[in-house]
Each structure stands twice: as structure tokens, then as C-alpha cells.
């Protein structure tokens, strides 16, 4: 159980760091010039939603997830130690 939680916390940390890295990224430079298409609008919506969600509290989420990742790993090792002995 603790291993699954540690994967979730690693995913949260990666998404937060990715949002910080992509903060100054201009997505319009990489999209086609015809911006009236529905797929272009959907891509912009997904990108803007991702950035808004992960940038609002990225520092808090990184610290929180790192602490709980360490707790999950320690608990996992303790459980394995007690099972083994």
C-alpha cells in the first residue's frame, strides 16, 4: 500500500516541477497558424488548465509530497522489517 502512495507522491512532485519549468513556455509558437480549429483550442485549454492547477500551490505541493514520500518509504521499510523478523 505504501509503495502505491509513494508513486502518487512522485507523480505530484514531477507535475509540480514540470509546471514550474514550463511557466515561461509559449505554446502558441509551436501550434499551427490556423488557430480557429477545435483541436488547437482544446490543446490551449488543456495547457492553460494544467498550468493554472499546478502553479497555484506548487511549492506547497512539492514540500508536502516530499515529506509524505519519505514517510511512505520509511513505513514501507518498517513493515517489511517487521514481517521479515
N, C-alpha and C. Protein backbone atom coordinates (compact mmCIF):
# COMPACT_ATOMS: atom_id res chain seq x y z
N UNK A 1 0.82 -1.19 0.00
CA UNK A 1 0.00 0.00 0.00
C UNK A 1 0.86 1.26 0.00
N UNK A 2 1.93 1.26 0.78
CA UNK A 2 2.77 2.44 0.87
C UNK A 2 3.54 2.68 -0.42
N UNK A 3 3.82 1.61 -1.17
CA UNK A 3 4.52 1.78 -2.43
C UNK A 3 3.64 2.52 -3.45
N UNK A 4 2.35 2.23 -3.48
CA UNK A 4 1.45 2.91 -4.38
C UNK A 4 1.35 4.39 -4.02
N UNK A 5 1.30 4.68 -2.74
CA UNK A 5 1.26 6.07 -2.32
C UNK A 5 2.54 6.81 -2.69
N UNK A 6 3.66 6.13 -2.60
CA UNK A 6 4.91 6.80 -2.97
C UNK A 6 4.93 7.12 -4.46
N UNK A 7 4.36 6.25 -5.31
CA UNK A 7 4.27 6.56 -6.74
C UNK A 7 3.38 7.77 -6.99
N UNK A 8 2.31 7.89 -6.24
CA UNK A 8 1.41 9.04 -6.39
C UNK A 8 2.13 10.32 -5.99
N UNK A 9 2.88 10.29 -4.89
CA UNK A 9 3.60 11.48 -4.47
C UNK A 9 4.71 11.85 -5.43
N UNK A 10 5.36 10.86 -6.03
CA UNK A 10 6.38 11.14 -7.06
C UNK A 10 5.72 11.79 -8.27
N UNK A 11 4.55 11.34 -8.65
CA UNK A 11 3.81 11.95 -9.76
C UNK A 11 3.44 13.40 -9.47
N UNK A 12 3.03 13.68 -8.24
CA UNK A 12 2.70 15.05 -7.86
C UNK A 12 3.94 15.94 -7.92
N UNK A 13 5.06 15.44 -7.44
CA UNK A 13 6.31 16.20 -7.48
C UNK A 13 6.72 16.47 -8.92
N UNK A 14 6.63 15.47 -9.78
CA UNK A 14 7.02 15.65 -11.19
C UNK A 14 6.11 16.67 -11.88
N UNK A 15 4.81 16.60 -11.64
CA UNK A 15 3.89 17.57 -12.26
C UNK A 15 4.15 18.98 -11.76
N UNK A 16 4.45 19.15 -10.49
CA UNK A 16 4.73 20.48 -9.96
C UNK A 16 6.02 21.04 -10.56
N UNK A 17 7.06 20.22 -10.65
CA UNK A 17 8.31 20.68 -11.23
C UNK A 17 8.17 20.95 -12.72
N UNK A 18 7.36 20.16 -13.41
CA UNK A 18 7.11 20.39 -14.83
C UNK A 18 6.38 21.71 -15.05
N UNK A 19 5.43 22.04 -14.20
CA UNK A 19 4.71 23.31 -14.33
C UNK A 19 5.63 24.49 -14.08
N UNK A 20 6.54 24.36 -13.11
CA UNK A 20 7.50 25.44 -12.86
C UNK A 20 8.43 25.61 -14.05
N UNK A 21 8.84 24.50 -14.65
CA UNK A 21 9.73 24.55 -15.81
C UNK A 21 9.04 25.16 -17.03
N UNK A 22 7.76 24.85 -17.23
CA UNK A 22 7.02 25.33 -18.40
C UNK A 22 6.33 26.66 -18.19
N UNK A 23 6.61 27.33 -17.08
CA UNK A 23 5.93 28.58 -16.75
C UNK A 23 6.13 29.65 -17.84
N UNK A 24 7.32 29.77 -18.36
CA UNK A 24 7.61 30.79 -19.37
C UNK A 24 7.55 30.25 -20.80
N UNK A 25 6.99 29.09 -20.98
CA UNK A 25 6.90 28.44 -22.28
C UNK A 25 5.74 29.04 -23.08
N UNK A 26 6.00 29.43 -24.32
CA UNK A 26 4.96 29.99 -25.19
C UNK A 26 4.43 28.88 -26.10
N UNK A 27 3.24 28.42 -25.83
CA UNK A 27 2.67 27.31 -26.59
C UNK A 27 2.25 27.74 -27.99
N UNK A 28 1.93 29.01 -28.19
CA UNK A 28 1.47 29.48 -29.50
C UNK A 28 2.57 29.39 -30.56
N UNK A 29 3.81 29.40 -30.15
CA UNK A 29 4.92 29.31 -31.10
C UNK A 29 4.98 27.93 -31.76
N UNK A 30 4.46 26.90 -31.08
CA UNK A 30 4.54 25.54 -31.58
C UNK A 30 3.25 25.03 -32.20
N UNK A 31 2.19 25.82 -32.13
CA UNK A 31 0.92 25.42 -32.72
C UNK A 31 0.82 25.96 -34.14
N UNK A 32 0.02 25.33 -35.00
CA UNK A 32 -0.14 25.83 -36.37
C UNK A 32 -0.76 27.23 -36.39
N UNK A 33 -0.59 27.91 -37.51
CA UNK A 33 -1.08 29.29 -37.62
C UNK A 33 -2.59 29.39 -37.61
N UNK A 34 -3.27 28.39 -38.13
CA UNK A 34 -4.73 28.39 -38.15
C UNK A 34 -5.23 28.05 -36.75
N UNK A 35 -5.49 29.07 -35.96
CA UNK A 35 -5.86 28.84 -34.57
C UNK A 35 -7.36 28.75 -34.35
N UNK A 36 -8.14 28.67 -35.41
CA UNK A 36 -9.59 28.56 -35.26
C UNK A 36 -10.06 27.13 -35.15
N UNK A 37 -9.17 26.19 -35.34
CA UNK A 37 -9.57 24.78 -35.28
C UNK A 37 -9.89 24.38 -33.85
N UNK A 38 -10.77 23.43 -33.75
CA UNK A 38 -11.22 22.96 -32.44
C UNK A 38 -10.11 22.27 -31.66
N UNK A 39 -9.24 21.51 -32.35
CA UNK A 39 -8.16 20.81 -31.64
C UNK A 39 -7.15 21.78 -31.05
N UNK A 40 -6.88 22.89 -31.75
CA UNK A 40 -5.95 23.90 -31.24
C UNK A 40 -6.53 24.54 -29.98
N UNK A 41 -7.82 24.83 -30.01
CA UNK A 41 -8.47 25.42 -28.84
C UNK A 41 -8.46 24.46 -27.66
N UNK A 42 -8.66 23.17 -27.93
CA UNK A 42 -8.65 22.17 -26.87
C UNK A 42 -7.25 22.03 -26.28
N UNK A 43 -6.22 22.04 -27.14
CA UNK A 43 -4.85 21.97 -26.65
C UNK A 43 -4.50 23.17 -25.77
N UNK A 44 -4.91 24.36 -26.20
CA UNK A 44 -4.67 25.56 -25.38
C UNK A 44 -5.40 25.47 -24.04
N UNK A 45 -6.63 24.98 -24.07
CA UNK A 45 -7.41 24.83 -22.84
C UNK A 45 -6.74 23.86 -21.88
N UNK A 46 -6.29 22.72 -22.41
CA UNK A 46 -5.63 21.72 -21.56
C UNK A 46 -4.34 22.28 -20.97
N UNK A 47 -3.54 22.96 -21.79
CA UNK A 47 -2.28 23.54 -21.32
C UNK A 47 -2.53 24.61 -20.26
N UNK A 48 -3.47 25.50 -20.52
CA UNK A 48 -3.76 26.57 -19.55
C UNK A 48 -4.33 26.01 -18.25
N UNK A 49 -5.17 24.99 -18.35
CA UNK A 49 -5.74 24.37 -17.16
C UNK A 49 -4.65 23.69 -16.34
N UNK A 50 -3.75 22.96 -17.02
CA UNK A 50 -2.64 22.30 -16.34
C UNK A 50 -1.77 23.32 -15.61
N UNK A 51 -1.44 24.40 -16.29
CA UNK A 51 -0.57 25.41 -15.67
C UNK A 51 -1.26 26.09 -14.50
N UNK A 52 -2.54 26.38 -14.63
CA UNK A 52 -3.24 27.05 -13.54
C UNK A 52 -3.36 26.16 -12.31
N UNK A 53 -3.64 24.88 -12.52
CA UNK A 53 -3.81 23.97 -11.40
C UNK A 53 -2.49 23.74 -10.67
N UNK A 54 -1.42 23.47 -11.41
CA UNK A 54 -0.16 23.08 -10.78
C UNK A 54 0.70 24.25 -10.33
N UNK A 55 0.48 25.45 -10.86
CA UNK A 55 1.29 26.59 -10.43
C UNK A 55 0.72 27.30 -9.22
N UNK A 56 -0.55 27.12 -8.92
CA UNK A 56 -1.16 27.86 -7.82
C UNK A 56 -0.51 27.53 -6.48
N UNK A 57 -0.24 26.26 -6.26
CA UNK A 57 0.34 25.88 -4.97
C UNK A 57 1.48 24.90 -5.16
N UNK A 58 2.34 25.18 -6.13
CA UNK A 58 3.38 24.21 -6.48
C UNK A 58 4.42 24.04 -5.36
N UNK A 59 4.82 25.13 -4.73
CA UNK A 59 5.83 25.00 -3.67
C UNK A 59 5.29 24.21 -2.48
N UNK A 60 4.05 24.49 -2.11
CA UNK A 60 3.43 23.75 -1.02
C UNK A 60 3.30 22.28 -1.36
N UNK A 61 2.90 21.99 -2.61
CA UNK A 61 2.71 20.60 -3.00
C UNK A 61 4.03 19.84 -3.08
N UNK A 62 5.09 20.51 -3.49
CA UNK A 62 6.40 19.86 -3.55
C UNK A 62 6.87 19.50 -2.14
N UNK A 63 6.75 20.44 -1.22
CA UNK A 63 7.18 20.19 0.16
C UNK A 63 6.31 19.11 0.81
N UNK A 64 5.01 19.22 0.66
CA UNK A 64 4.06 18.27 1.23
C UNK A 64 4.29 16.87 0.67
N UNK A 65 4.46 16.78 -0.64
CA UNK A 65 4.64 15.47 -1.27
C UNK A 65 5.99 14.85 -0.91
N UNK A 66 7.01 15.67 -0.79
CA UNK A 66 8.33 15.15 -0.42
C UNK A 66 8.31 14.59 1.00
N UNK A 67 7.67 15.29 1.91
CA UNK A 67 7.58 14.81 3.29
C UNK A 67 6.81 13.50 3.34
N UNK A 68 5.68 13.43 2.67
CA UNK A 68 4.89 12.20 2.71
C UNK A 68 5.52 11.08 1.90
N UNK A 69 6.31 11.41 0.89
CA UNK A 69 7.05 10.38 0.18
C UNK A 69 8.07 9.72 1.10
N UNK A 70 8.76 10.53 1.87
CA UNK A 70 9.73 9.99 2.84
C UNK A 70 9.02 9.14 3.88
N UNK A 71 7.87 9.62 4.38
CA UNK A 71 7.11 8.86 5.37
C UNK A 71 6.65 7.53 4.78
N UNK A 72 6.17 7.54 3.55
CA UNK A 72 5.71 6.29 2.91
C UNK A 72 6.86 5.30 2.74
N UNK A 73 8.00 5.79 2.32
CA UNK A 73 9.13 4.89 2.13
C UNK A 73 9.62 4.31 3.46
N UNK A 74 9.65 5.13 4.50
CA UNK A 74 10.07 4.64 5.82
C UNK A 74 9.07 3.62 6.36
N UNK A 75 7.78 3.90 6.21
CA UNK A 75 6.76 2.97 6.67
C UNK A 75 6.82 1.65 5.90
N UNK A 76 7.08 1.73 4.61
CA UNK A 76 7.20 0.53 3.80
C UNK A 76 8.38 -0.32 4.28
N UNK A 77 9.50 0.33 4.54
CA UNK A 77 10.68 -0.41 5.03
C UNK A 77 10.44 -0.99 6.42
N UNK A 78 9.74 -0.25 7.28
CA UNK A 78 9.44 -0.76 8.62
C UNK A 78 8.50 -1.97 8.55
N UNK A 79 7.50 -1.89 7.68
CA UNK A 79 6.59 -3.03 7.53
C UNK A 79 7.33 -4.27 7.04
N UNK A 80 8.20 -4.09 6.07
CA UNK A 80 8.96 -5.22 5.57
C UNK A 80 9.91 -5.77 6.64
N UNK A 81 10.47 -4.88 7.45
CA UNK A 81 11.35 -5.32 8.53
C UNK A 81 10.59 -6.14 9.56
N UNK A 82 9.39 -5.68 9.95
CA UNK A 82 8.62 -6.40 10.95
C UNK A 82 8.07 -7.72 10.39
N UNK A 83 7.73 -7.77 9.13
CA UNK A 83 7.27 -9.00 8.52
C UNK A 83 8.41 -10.02 8.46
N UNK A 84 9.59 -9.54 8.13
CA UNK A 84 10.73 -10.43 7.99
C UNK A 84 11.16 -11.03 9.35
N UNK A 85 11.07 -10.24 10.40
CA UNK A 85 11.51 -10.71 11.72
C UNK A 85 10.38 -11.23 12.51
